[in-house]
């Protein structure tokens, strides 16, 4: 029975690893994802206590962070954050740099909050494997970073209803997987992609 259980675990690891080439850590959990969430929760203002109402960083059991508000894990029994959906919570702060520790993050939704300031120029170092960042309806400002073009997995990029200035970086035209781009101005990404 033990041999069968070991083989099953190995097979699950191989399937996950081959199906998602981003997965380079063992399946048993990841302290970096816990640090990622702790950093985010400590760096943003949460006036209505949406985040703190469900987070308990003293609970060290595997998968505990998967029950936090807005957190979707790869599997409920492990600490690997797949998606983070913190929408319409009146959260305030700059773009959370602690996201760099959520190494398996593919979906991020910070829409309808009060995040402000410029987006980091090194976005690919922070959220390099995102497929669907939704940052709409905040107060981000400044130029859209050309470094977003290094986030090669992007399918959707929603920056609508912010205060960005300048042109859409031509480098975004290099994103061959992107299907949807919302920025809220007349210049379209379709022009850049041609």
N, C-alpha and C. Protein backbone atom coordinates (compact mmCIF):
# COMPACT_ATOMS: atom_id res chain seq x y z
N UNK A 1 0.83 -1.20 0.00
CA UNK A 1 0.00 0.00 0.00
C UNK A 1 0.87 1.26 0.00
N UNK A 2 1.95 1.24 0.79
CA UNK A 2 2.85 2.39 0.85
C UNK A 2 3.50 2.64 -0.51
N UNK A 3 3.88 1.58 -1.21
CA UNK A 3 4.47 1.73 -2.53
C UNK A 3 3.46 2.36 -3.49
N UNK A 4 2.21 1.91 -3.43
CA UNK A 4 1.18 2.49 -4.29
C UNK A 4 0.97 3.97 -3.98
N UNK A 5 0.92 4.32 -2.71
CA UNK A 5 0.71 5.71 -2.31
C UNK A 5 1.87 6.56 -2.80
N UNK A 6 3.09 6.08 -2.68
CA UNK A 6 4.26 6.84 -3.14
C UNK A 6 4.20 7.04 -4.65
N UNK A 7 3.84 6.00 -5.38
CA UNK A 7 3.74 6.13 -6.83
C UNK A 7 2.66 7.12 -7.24
N UNK A 8 1.52 7.09 -6.54
CA UNK A 8 0.44 8.03 -6.86
C UNK A 8 0.88 9.45 -6.65
N UNK A 9 1.57 9.71 -5.56
CA UNK A 9 2.05 11.07 -5.29
C UNK A 9 3.03 11.49 -6.37
N UNK A 10 3.91 10.58 -6.78
CA UNK A 10 4.88 10.88 -7.83
C UNK A 10 4.16 11.20 -9.14
N UNK A 11 3.14 10.42 -9.48
CA UNK A 11 2.41 10.66 -10.71
C UNK A 11 1.72 12.02 -10.68
N UNK A 12 1.13 12.36 -9.56
CA UNK A 12 0.48 13.67 -9.45
C UNK A 12 1.50 14.77 -9.66
N UNK A 13 2.68 14.62 -9.07
CA UNK A 13 3.73 15.62 -9.22
C UNK A 13 4.15 15.76 -10.67
N UNK A 14 4.33 14.64 -11.36
CA UNK A 14 4.75 14.68 -12.76
C UNK A 14 3.68 15.33 -13.63
N UNK A 15 2.42 14.99 -13.42
CA UNK A 15 1.34 15.57 -14.22
C UNK A 15 1.28 17.07 -14.00
N UNK A 16 1.33 17.49 -12.76
CA UNK A 16 1.30 18.93 -12.47
C UNK A 16 2.51 19.60 -13.08
N UNK A 17 3.67 18.99 -12.94
CA UNK A 17 4.89 19.61 -13.44
C UNK A 17 4.87 19.71 -14.97
N UNK A 18 4.45 18.64 -15.65
CA UNK A 18 4.46 18.68 -17.11
C UNK A 18 3.34 19.55 -17.66
N UNK A 19 2.18 19.56 -17.00
CA UNK A 19 1.07 20.35 -17.47
C UNK A 19 1.26 21.84 -17.22
N UNK A 20 2.02 22.18 -16.22
CA UNK A 20 2.26 23.58 -15.87
C UNK A 20 3.75 23.77 -15.68
N UNK A 21 4.43 24.09 -16.70
CA UNK A 21 5.88 24.15 -16.65
C UNK A 21 6.41 25.15 -15.64
N UNK A 22 5.51 25.91 -15.00
CA UNK A 22 5.94 26.88 -14.00
C UNK A 22 6.20 26.23 -12.66
N UNK A 23 5.67 25.04 -12.46
CA UNK A 23 5.66 24.40 -11.16
C UNK A 23 7.01 23.73 -10.90
N UNK A 24 7.84 24.35 -10.10
CA UNK A 24 9.17 23.80 -9.88
C UNK A 24 9.42 23.43 -8.42
N UNK A 25 8.42 23.60 -7.56
CA UNK A 25 8.57 23.26 -6.16
C UNK A 25 7.83 21.96 -5.87
N UNK A 26 8.25 21.23 -4.83
CA UNK A 26 7.52 20.01 -4.47
C UNK A 26 6.07 20.33 -4.10
N UNK A 27 5.23 19.33 -4.16
CA UNK A 27 3.81 19.53 -3.93
C UNK A 27 3.48 19.83 -2.48
N UNK A 28 4.36 19.55 -1.54
CA UNK A 28 3.99 19.62 -0.13
C UNK A 28 3.72 21.02 0.40
N UNK A 29 3.78 22.05 -0.37
CA UNK A 29 3.44 23.39 0.12
C UNK A 29 4.59 24.34 -0.05
N UNK A 30 4.33 25.60 0.18
CA UNK A 30 5.34 26.60 -0.09
C UNK A 30 5.22 27.76 0.89
N UNK A 31 6.23 27.92 1.69
CA UNK A 31 6.25 29.01 2.68
C UNK A 31 6.30 30.37 2.00
N UNK A 32 6.84 30.45 0.79
CA UNK A 32 6.88 31.73 0.08
C UNK A 32 5.49 32.26 -0.20
N UNK A 33 4.54 31.39 -0.50
CA UNK A 33 3.17 31.84 -0.75
C UNK A 33 2.55 32.40 0.53
N UNK A 34 2.86 31.79 1.67
CA UNK A 34 2.40 32.31 2.96
C UNK A 34 3.00 33.70 3.18
N UNK A 35 4.31 33.83 2.92
CA UNK A 35 4.97 35.13 3.06
C UNK A 35 4.38 36.15 2.10
N UNK A 36 4.02 35.72 0.90
CA UNK A 36 3.40 36.59 -0.09
C UNK A 36 2.12 37.20 0.47
N UNK A 37 1.23 36.35 0.97
CA UNK A 37 -0.04 36.84 1.49
C UNK A 37 0.16 37.70 2.73
N UNK A 38 1.05 37.28 3.61
CA UNK A 38 1.32 38.07 4.81
C UNK A 38 1.80 39.47 4.43
N UNK A 39 2.70 39.55 3.46
CA UNK A 39 3.23 40.83 3.01
C UNK A 39 2.13 41.71 2.42
N UNK A 40 1.27 41.12 1.60
CA UNK A 40 0.18 41.88 0.99
C UNK A 40 -0.76 42.38 2.06
N UNK A 41 -1.17 41.50 2.96
CA UNK A 41 -2.14 41.88 3.98
C UNK A 41 -1.58 42.94 4.92
N UNK A 42 -0.27 42.93 5.14
CA UNK A 42 0.35 43.94 6.01
C UNK A 42 0.60 45.26 5.28
N UNK A 43 0.69 45.23 3.94
CA UNK A 43 1.05 46.44 3.21
C UNK A 43 -0.14 47.25 2.72
N UNK A 44 -1.34 46.69 2.75
CA UNK A 44 -2.51 47.43 2.28
C UNK A 44 -3.39 47.84 3.46
N UNK A 45 -4.06 48.96 3.27
CA UNK A 45 -5.07 49.36 4.25
C UNK A 45 -6.35 48.61 3.94
N UNK A 46 -6.95 48.05 4.96
CA UNK A 46 -8.15 47.23 4.82
C UNK A 46 -9.22 47.79 5.75
N UNK A 47 -9.83 48.94 5.38
CA UNK A 47 -10.71 49.65 6.32
C UNK A 47 -11.93 48.85 6.79
N UNK A 48 -12.40 47.91 6.00
CA UNK A 48 -13.58 47.13 6.40
C UNK A 48 -13.22 45.72 6.88
N UNK A 49 -11.94 45.46 7.07
CA UNK A 49 -11.45 44.19 7.63
C UNK A 49 -11.87 42.96 6.82
N UNK A 50 -11.97 43.12 5.50
CA UNK A 50 -12.30 41.97 4.65
C UNK A 50 -11.20 40.91 4.71
N UNK A 51 -9.96 41.35 4.69
CA UNK A 51 -8.85 40.40 4.68
C UNK A 51 -8.62 39.79 6.05
N UNK A 52 -8.55 40.65 7.06
CA UNK A 52 -8.22 40.15 8.39
C UNK A 52 -9.33 39.29 8.99
N UNK A 53 -10.53 39.34 8.44
CA UNK A 53 -11.62 38.53 8.99
C UNK A 53 -11.41 37.04 8.76
N UNK A 54 -10.65 36.66 7.74
CA UNK A 54 -10.46 35.23 7.46
C UNK A 54 -9.01 34.77 7.56
N UNK A 55 -8.06 35.69 7.62
CA UNK A 55 -6.66 35.23 7.62
C UNK A 55 -6.20 34.93 9.05
N UNK A 56 -5.51 33.82 9.17
CA UNK A 56 -4.93 33.41 10.44
C UNK A 56 -3.56 32.83 10.14
N UNK A 57 -2.55 33.67 10.23
CA UNK A 57 -1.20 33.22 9.90
C UNK A 57 -0.59 32.36 11.00
N UNK A 58 -1.28 32.21 12.13
CA UNK A 58 -0.79 31.33 13.19
C UNK A 58 -1.15 29.88 12.91
N UNK A 59 -2.11 29.66 12.03
CA UNK A 59 -2.49 28.30 11.65
C UNK A 59 -1.47 27.80 10.64
N UNK A 60 -0.62 26.86 11.06
CA UNK A 60 0.47 26.36 10.22
C UNK A 60 0.09 25.12 9.40
N UNK A 61 -1.16 24.70 9.46
CA UNK A 61 -1.52 23.48 8.74
C UNK A 61 -1.50 23.72 7.24
N UNK A 62 -1.19 22.65 6.50
CA UNK A 62 -1.14 22.73 5.05
C UNK A 62 -2.50 23.16 4.51
N UNK A 63 -2.50 24.09 3.60
CA UNK A 63 -3.72 24.54 2.97
C UNK A 63 -4.50 25.58 3.75
N UNK A 64 -4.00 26.00 4.91
CA UNK A 64 -4.74 26.96 5.73
C UNK A 64 -4.98 28.27 4.98
N UNK A 65 -3.99 28.71 4.20
CA UNK A 65 -4.17 29.99 3.50
C UNK A 65 -5.21 29.90 2.39
N UNK A 66 -5.57 28.69 1.99
CA UNK A 66 -6.55 28.51 0.91
C UNK A 66 -7.95 28.92 1.33
N UNK A 67 -8.18 29.10 2.63
CA UNK A 67 -9.49 29.54 3.10
C UNK A 67 -9.53 31.05 3.33
N UNK A 68 -8.43 31.75 3.06
CA UNK A 68 -8.41 33.21 3.21
C UNK A 68 -9.29 33.83 2.13
N UNK A 69 -9.88 34.96 2.45
CA UNK A 69 -10.71 35.69 1.49
C UNK A 69 -9.92 35.99 0.22
N UNK A 70 -10.51 35.63 -0.92
CA UNK A 70 -9.93 35.95 -2.22
C UNK A 70 -8.84 35.02 -2.70
N UNK A 71 -8.48 34.01 -1.92
CA UNK A 71 -7.38 33.11 -2.29
C UNK A 71 -7.92 31.83 -2.90
N UNK A 72 -7.41 31.50 -4.06
CA UNK A 72 -7.72 30.21 -4.68
C UNK A 72 -6.40 29.48 -4.87
N UNK A 73 -6.34 28.26 -4.34
CA UNK A 73 -5.10 27.49 -4.38
C UNK A 73 -5.13 26.46 -5.50
N UNK A 74 -3.93 25.97 -5.83
CA UNK A 74 -3.82 24.88 -6.80
C UNK A 74 -4.63 23.69 -6.30
N UNK A 75 -4.50 23.42 -5.01
CA UNK A 75 -5.18 22.29 -4.38
C UNK A 75 -5.42 22.70 -2.94
N UNK A 76 -6.57 22.37 -2.39
CA UNK A 76 -6.93 22.81 -1.04
C UNK A 76 -5.97 22.30 0.03
N UNK A 77 -5.23 21.26 -0.24
CA UNK A 77 -4.34 20.69 0.76
C UNK A 77 -2.92 21.21 0.72
N UNK A 78 -2.68 22.30 -0.01
CA UNK A 78 -1.31 22.82 -0.10
C UNK A 78 -1.34 24.34 -0.11
N UNK A 79 -0.22 24.94 0.17
CA UNK A 79 -0.11 26.40 0.22
C UNK A 79 0.46 26.95 -1.07
N UNK A 80 -0.22 26.73 -2.18
CA UNK A 80 0.21 27.25 -3.47
C UNK A 80 -0.90 28.11 -4.05
N UNK A 81 -0.72 29.42 -4.06
CA UNK A 81 -1.75 30.35 -4.50
C UNK A 81 -1.79 30.39 -6.02
N UNK A 82 -2.93 30.05 -6.60
CA UNK A 82 -3.14 30.08 -8.03
C UNK A 82 -3.72 31.43 -8.46
N UNK A 83 -4.78 31.87 -7.79
CA UNK A 83 -5.46 33.12 -8.09
C UNK A 83 -5.66 33.93 -6.82
N UNK A 84 -5.60 35.22 -6.97
CA UNK A 84 -5.85 36.13 -5.86
C UNK A 84 -6.87 37.15 -6.34
N UNK A 85 -8.07 37.09 -5.76
CA UNK A 85 -9.15 37.97 -6.19
C UNK A 85 -9.57 38.84 -5.01
N UNK A 86 -9.04 40.06 -4.99
CA UNK A 86 -9.30 41.02 -3.92
C UNK A 86 -10.05 42.20 -4.52
N UNK A 87 -11.23 41.96 -5.03
CA UNK A 87 -11.98 42.97 -5.74
C UNK A 87 -13.05 43.61 -4.86
N UNK A 88 -13.28 44.91 -5.06
CA UNK A 88 -14.35 45.66 -4.39
C UNK A 88 -14.30 45.54 -2.87
N UNK A 89 -13.12 45.75 -2.30
CA UNK A 89 -12.94 45.65 -0.85
C UNK A 89 -12.50 46.97 -0.22
N UNK A 90 -12.44 48.04 -1.02
CA UNK A 90 -11.98 49.35 -0.55
C UNK A 90 -10.55 49.30 -0.02
N UNK A 91 -9.74 48.40 -0.58
CA UNK A 91 -8.34 48.29 -0.16
C UNK A 91 -7.57 49.48 -0.69
N UNK A 92 -6.58 49.93 0.09
CA UNK A 92 -5.78 51.09 -0.30
C UNK A 92 -4.30 50.76 -0.18
N UNK A 93 -3.52 51.31 -1.11
CA UNK A 93 -2.08 51.14 -1.06
C UNK A 93 -1.50 51.13 -2.45
N UNK A 94 -0.18 51.03 -2.50
CA UNK A 94 0.48 50.93 -3.79
C UNK A 94 0.43 49.48 -4.25
N UNK A 95 0.89 49.24 -5.49
CA UNK A 95 0.88 47.89 -6.02
C UNK A 95 1.67 46.98 -5.08
N UNK A 96 1.08 45.89 -4.60
CA UNK A 96 1.74 45.06 -3.58
C UNK A 96 2.94 44.27 -4.13
N UNK A 97 4.12 44.70 -3.76
CA UNK A 97 5.35 44.06 -4.25
C UNK A 97 5.54 42.66 -3.68
N UNK A 98 4.87 42.37 -2.56
CA UNK A 98 4.95 41.03 -1.97
C UNK A 98 4.43 39.94 -2.88
N UNK A 99 3.73 40.32 -3.95
CA UNK A 99 3.24 39.32 -4.91
C UNK A 99 4.38 38.51 -5.52
N UNK A 100 5.59 39.04 -5.47
CA UNK A 100 6.74 38.33 -6.03
C UNK A 100 6.94 36.97 -5.35
N UNK A 101 6.46 36.82 -4.12
CA UNK A 101 6.60 35.54 -3.42
C UNK A 101 5.51 34.54 -3.75
N UNK A 102 4.46 34.96 -4.43
CA UNK A 102 3.43 34.01 -4.89
C UNK A 102 3.90 33.48 -6.24
N UNK A 103 4.78 32.52 -6.20
CA UNK A 103 5.49 32.07 -7.39
C UNK A 103 4.64 31.28 -8.38
N UNK A 104 3.43 30.85 -7.98
CA UNK A 104 2.56 30.10 -8.88
C UNK A 104 1.34 30.90 -9.30
N UNK A 105 1.33 32.19 -9.00
CA UNK A 105 0.17 33.03 -9.26
C UNK A 105 -0.05 33.22 -10.75
N UNK A 106 -1.25 32.88 -11.22
CA UNK A 106 -1.59 33.09 -12.63
C UNK A 106 -2.71 34.10 -12.80
N UNK A 107 -3.55 34.28 -11.79
CA UNK A 107 -4.65 35.22 -11.87
C UNK A 107 -4.60 36.23 -10.74
N UNK A 108 -4.77 37.51 -11.07
CA UNK A 108 -4.75 38.57 -10.06
C UNK A 108 -5.85 39.56 -10.39
N UNK A 109 -6.75 39.79 -9.43
CA UNK A 109 -7.82 40.76 -9.61
C UNK A 109 -7.82 41.71 -8.42
N UNK A 110 -7.36 42.94 -8.65
CA UNK A 110 -7.35 43.99 -7.63
C UNK A 110 -8.36 45.09 -7.99
N UNK A 111 -9.31 44.78 -8.84
CA UNK A 111 -10.21 45.80 -9.38
C UNK A 111 -11.13 46.40 -8.32
N UNK A 112 -11.60 47.61 -8.63
CA UNK A 112 -12.56 48.31 -7.79
C UNK A 112 -12.08 48.51 -6.35
N UNK A 113 -10.86 48.99 -6.22
CA UNK A 113 -10.30 49.33 -4.93
C UNK A 113 -9.71 50.73 -5.02
N UNK A 114 -8.79 51.05 -4.15
CA UNK A 114 -8.14 52.35 -4.18
C UNK A 114 -6.62 52.18 -4.19
N UNK A 115 -6.14 51.25 -5.02
CA UNK A 115 -4.70 51.13 -5.21
C UNK A 115 -4.25 52.32 -6.05
N UNK A 116 -3.06 52.82 -5.77
CA UNK A 116 -2.60 54.05 -6.40
C UNK A 116 -1.12 53.97 -6.73
N UNK A 117 -0.68 54.97 -7.47
CA UNK A 117 0.74 55.09 -7.81
C UNK A 117 1.07 54.39 -9.11
N UNK A 118 2.33 54.47 -9.50
CA UNK A 118 2.74 53.82 -10.75
C UNK A 118 2.86 52.31 -10.56
N UNK A 119 2.68 51.59 -11.65
CA UNK A 119 2.97 50.16 -11.63
C UNK A 119 4.48 49.98 -11.67
N UNK A 120 5.01 48.96 -11.00
CA UNK A 120 6.46 48.75 -11.03
C UNK A 120 6.97 48.51 -12.45
N UNK A 121 8.13 49.06 -12.76
CA UNK A 121 8.70 48.88 -14.09
C UNK A 121 9.14 47.43 -14.32
N UNK A 122 9.43 46.72 -13.23
CA UNK A 122 9.90 45.33 -13.33
C UNK A 122 8.77 44.34 -13.05
N UNK A 123 7.60 44.57 -13.64
CA UNK A 123 6.43 43.73 -13.39
C UNK A 123 6.72 42.25 -13.62
N UNK A 124 7.51 41.93 -14.61
CA UNK A 124 7.77 40.51 -14.92
C UNK A 124 8.53 39.83 -13.79
N UNK A 125 9.28 40.56 -13.01
CA UNK A 125 10.00 39.98 -11.87
C UNK A 125 9.05 39.74 -10.70
N UNK A 126 7.96 40.48 -10.67
CA UNK A 126 7.01 40.38 -9.57
C UNK A 126 5.89 39.40 -9.88
N UNK A 127 5.32 39.50 -11.06
CA UNK A 127 4.17 38.67 -11.45
C UNK A 127 4.39 38.09 -12.84
N UNK A 128 5.50 37.45 -13.05
CA UNK A 128 5.91 37.01 -14.38
C UNK A 128 5.05 35.95 -15.03
N UNK A 129 4.27 35.19 -14.25
CA UNK A 129 3.48 34.11 -14.82
C UNK A 129 1.99 34.41 -14.87
N UNK A 130 1.63 35.67 -14.65
CA UNK A 130 0.22 36.03 -14.71
C UNK A 130 -0.34 35.81 -16.11
N UNK A 131 -1.56 35.30 -16.16
CA UNK A 131 -2.28 35.21 -17.43
C UNK A 131 -3.39 36.25 -17.49
N UNK A 132 -3.95 36.61 -16.33
CA UNK A 132 -5.09 37.52 -16.32
C UNK A 132 -4.99 38.56 -15.20
N UNK A 133 -4.16 39.57 -15.33
CA UNK A 133 -4.18 40.65 -14.33
C UNK A 133 -5.32 41.62 -14.59
N UNK A 134 -6.14 41.85 -13.57
CA UNK A 134 -7.24 42.80 -13.66
C UNK A 134 -6.97 43.88 -12.61
N UNK A 135 -6.55 45.04 -13.08
CA UNK A 135 -6.20 46.16 -12.19
C UNK A 135 -7.12 47.34 -12.40
N UNK A 136 -8.27 47.11 -13.01
CA UNK A 136 -9.18 48.19 -13.39
C UNK A 136 -9.82 48.86 -12.18
N UNK A 137 -10.30 50.09 -12.41
CA UNK A 137 -11.04 50.87 -11.42
C UNK A 137 -10.26 51.06 -10.12
N UNK A 138 -9.06 51.56 -10.27
CA UNK A 138 -8.21 51.96 -9.15
C UNK A 138 -7.70 53.36 -9.46
N UNK A 139 -6.62 53.75 -8.82
CA UNK A 139 -6.02 55.06 -9.07
C UNK A 139 -4.55 54.92 -9.48
N UNK A 140 -4.24 53.85 -10.22
CA UNK A 140 -2.87 53.73 -10.73
C UNK A 140 -2.64 54.86 -11.73
N UNK A 141 -1.44 55.38 -11.75
CA UNK A 141 -1.11 56.49 -12.65
C UNK A 141 0.29 56.31 -13.21
N UNK A 142 0.67 57.21 -14.10
CA UNK A 142 1.97 57.13 -14.75
C UNK A 142 1.89 56.36 -16.04
N UNK A 143 3.03 55.99 -16.55
CA UNK A 143 3.10 55.24 -17.81
C UNK A 143 2.81 53.76 -17.56
N UNK A 144 2.19 53.14 -18.54
CA UNK A 144 2.04 51.69 -18.50
C UNK A 144 3.44 51.12 -18.73
N UNK A 145 3.95 50.31 -17.82
CA UNK A 145 5.33 49.84 -17.98
C UNK A 145 5.54 48.95 -19.20
N UNK A 146 6.55 49.27 -19.97
CA UNK A 146 6.90 48.43 -21.12
C UNK A 146 7.31 47.04 -20.66
N UNK A 147 7.77 46.92 -19.41
CA UNK A 147 8.17 45.63 -18.86
C UNK A 147 7.05 44.61 -18.79
N UNK A 148 5.80 45.07 -18.91
CA UNK A 148 4.69 44.11 -18.96
C UNK A 148 4.83 43.16 -20.14
N UNK A 149 5.53 43.59 -21.18
CA UNK A 149 5.74 42.74 -22.35
C UNK A 149 6.58 41.51 -22.02
N UNK A 150 7.29 41.54 -20.89
CA UNK A 150 8.08 40.39 -20.47
C UNK A 150 7.24 39.38 -19.71
N UNK A 151 5.99 39.71 -19.41
CA UNK A 151 5.04 38.76 -18.81
C UNK A 151 4.44 37.97 -19.97
N UNK A 152 5.15 36.99 -20.44
CA UNK A 152 4.85 36.31 -21.70
C UNK A 152 3.60 35.46 -21.68
N UNK A 153 3.02 35.21 -20.50
CA UNK A 153 1.85 34.35 -20.41
C UNK A 153 0.53 35.12 -20.48
N UNK A 154 0.58 36.45 -20.59
CA UNK A 154 -0.63 37.26 -20.54
C UNK A 154 -1.62 36.89 -21.63
N UNK A 155 -2.87 36.63 -21.21
CA UNK A 155 -3.99 36.43 -22.13
C UNK A 155 -4.91 37.64 -22.10
N UNK A 156 -5.07 38.21 -20.92
CA UNK A 156 -5.94 39.36 -20.69
C UNK A 156 -5.16 40.37 -19.87
N UNK A 157 -5.29 41.64 -20.22
CA UNK A 157 -4.67 42.72 -19.44
C UNK A 157 -5.72 43.81 -19.30
N UNK A 158 -6.22 44.00 -18.07
CA UNK A 158 -7.26 44.99 -17.84
C UNK A 158 -6.74 46.10 -16.94
N UNK A 159 -6.48 47.25 -17.55
CA UNK A 159 -5.98 48.44 -16.84
C UNK A 159 -7.00 49.57 -16.90
N UNK A 160 -8.21 49.27 -17.29
CA UNK A 160 -9.26 50.25 -17.52
C UNK A 160 -9.58 51.06 -16.25
N UNK A 161 -10.02 52.29 -16.45
CA UNK A 161 -10.46 53.18 -15.37
C UNK A 161 -9.38 53.40 -14.31
N UNK A 162 -8.23 53.81 -14.77
CA UNK A 162 -7.13 54.27 -13.94
C UNK A 162 -6.71 55.63 -14.49
N UNK A 163 -5.57 56.12 -14.08
CA UNK A 163 -5.13 57.43 -14.55
C UNK A 163 -3.79 57.34 -15.26
N UNK A 164 -3.64 56.35 -16.12
CA UNK A 164 -2.40 56.19 -16.87
C UNK A 164 -2.25 57.30 -17.89
N UNK A 165 -1.00 57.64 -18.17
CA UNK A 165 -0.72 58.67 -19.17
C UNK A 165 0.27 58.13 -20.18
N UNK A 166 0.44 58.86 -21.26
CA UNK A 166 1.39 58.43 -22.29
C UNK A 166 0.79 57.40 -23.21
N UNK A 167 1.63 56.89 -24.08
CA UNK A 167 1.22 55.91 -25.08
C UNK A 167 1.23 54.50 -24.50
N UNK A 168 0.44 53.64 -25.14
CA UNK A 168 0.54 52.22 -24.82
C UNK A 168 1.89 51.75 -25.35
N UNK A 169 2.71 51.13 -24.53
CA UNK A 169 4.05 50.73 -25.00
C UNK A 169 3.97 49.78 -26.20
N UNK A 170 4.74 50.09 -27.22
CA UNK A 170 4.77 49.25 -28.43
C UNK A 170 5.22 47.83 -28.11
N UNK A 171 6.00 47.67 -27.04
CA UNK A 171 6.49 46.35 -26.65
C UNK A 171 5.35 45.38 -26.36
N UNK A 172 4.19 45.90 -25.97
CA UNK A 172 3.05 45.02 -25.69
C UNK A 172 2.61 44.29 -26.96
N UNK A 173 2.97 44.81 -28.10
CA UNK A 173 2.68 44.13 -29.36
C UNK A 173 3.41 42.82 -29.51
N UNK A 174 4.42 42.58 -28.67
CA UNK A 174 5.18 41.32 -28.71
C UNK A 174 4.45 40.19 -27.98
N UNK A 175 3.38 40.52 -27.28
CA UNK A 175 2.64 39.51 -26.53
C UNK A 175 1.74 38.73 -27.47
N UNK A 176 2.20 37.57 -27.91
CA UNK A 176 1.45 36.82 -28.91
C UNK A 176 0.27 36.05 -28.34
N UNK A 177 0.18 35.91 -27.01
CA UNK A 177 -0.93 35.17 -26.40
C UNK A 177 -2.09 36.08 -26.01
N UNK A 178 -1.86 37.38 -25.99
CA UNK A 178 -2.89 38.29 -25.46
C UNK A 178 -4.09 38.33 -26.40
N UNK A 179 -5.27 38.18 -25.78
CA UNK A 179 -6.52 38.19 -26.53
C UNK A 179 -7.34 39.43 -26.21
N UNK A 180 -7.23 39.93 -24.98
CA UNK A 180 -8.03 41.06 -24.56
C UNK A 180 -7.18 42.07 -23.83
N UNK A 181 -7.31 43.34 -24.21
CA UNK A 181 -6.60 44.43 -23.57
C UNK A 181 -7.59 45.57 -23.34
N UNK A 182 -7.74 45.95 -22.07
CA UNK A 182 -8.60 47.07 -21.73
C UNK A 182 -7.73 48.15 -21.12
N UNK A 183 -7.80 49.34 -21.70
CA UNK A 183 -7.04 50.43 -21.15
C UNK A 183 -7.89 51.69 -21.02
N UNK A 184 -9.00 51.75 -21.74
CA UNK A 184 -9.93 52.83 -21.55
C UNK A 184 -9.67 54.08 -22.38
N UNK A 185 -8.80 53.99 -23.37
CA UNK A 185 -8.56 55.13 -24.25
C UNK A 185 -8.74 54.71 -25.69
N UNK A 186 -8.73 55.67 -26.58
CA UNK A 186 -9.05 55.38 -27.97
C UNK A 186 -7.96 54.58 -28.68
N UNK A 187 -6.70 54.71 -28.23
CA UNK A 187 -5.63 53.96 -28.89
C UNK A 187 -5.83 52.47 -28.59
N UNK A 188 -5.86 51.66 -29.58
CA UNK A 188 -6.12 50.25 -29.33
C UNK A 188 -4.85 49.44 -29.50
N UNK A 189 -4.83 48.35 -28.74
CA UNK A 189 -3.69 47.44 -28.84
C UNK A 189 -3.66 46.78 -30.22
N UNK A 190 -4.82 46.66 -30.84
CA UNK A 190 -4.88 46.06 -32.17
C UNK A 190 -3.95 46.79 -33.15
N UNK A 191 -3.88 48.13 -33.02
CA UNK A 191 -2.97 48.91 -33.87
C UNK A 191 -1.52 48.53 -33.60
N UNK A 192 -1.22 48.31 -32.34
CA UNK A 192 0.16 47.97 -31.96
C UNK A 192 0.51 46.57 -32.43
N UNK A 193 -0.46 45.66 -32.40
CA UNK A 193 -0.18 44.28 -32.77
C UNK A 193 0.04 44.11 -34.27
N UNK A 194 -0.33 45.10 -35.08
CA UNK A 194 -0.15 44.97 -36.53
C UNK A 194 1.21 45.40 -36.96
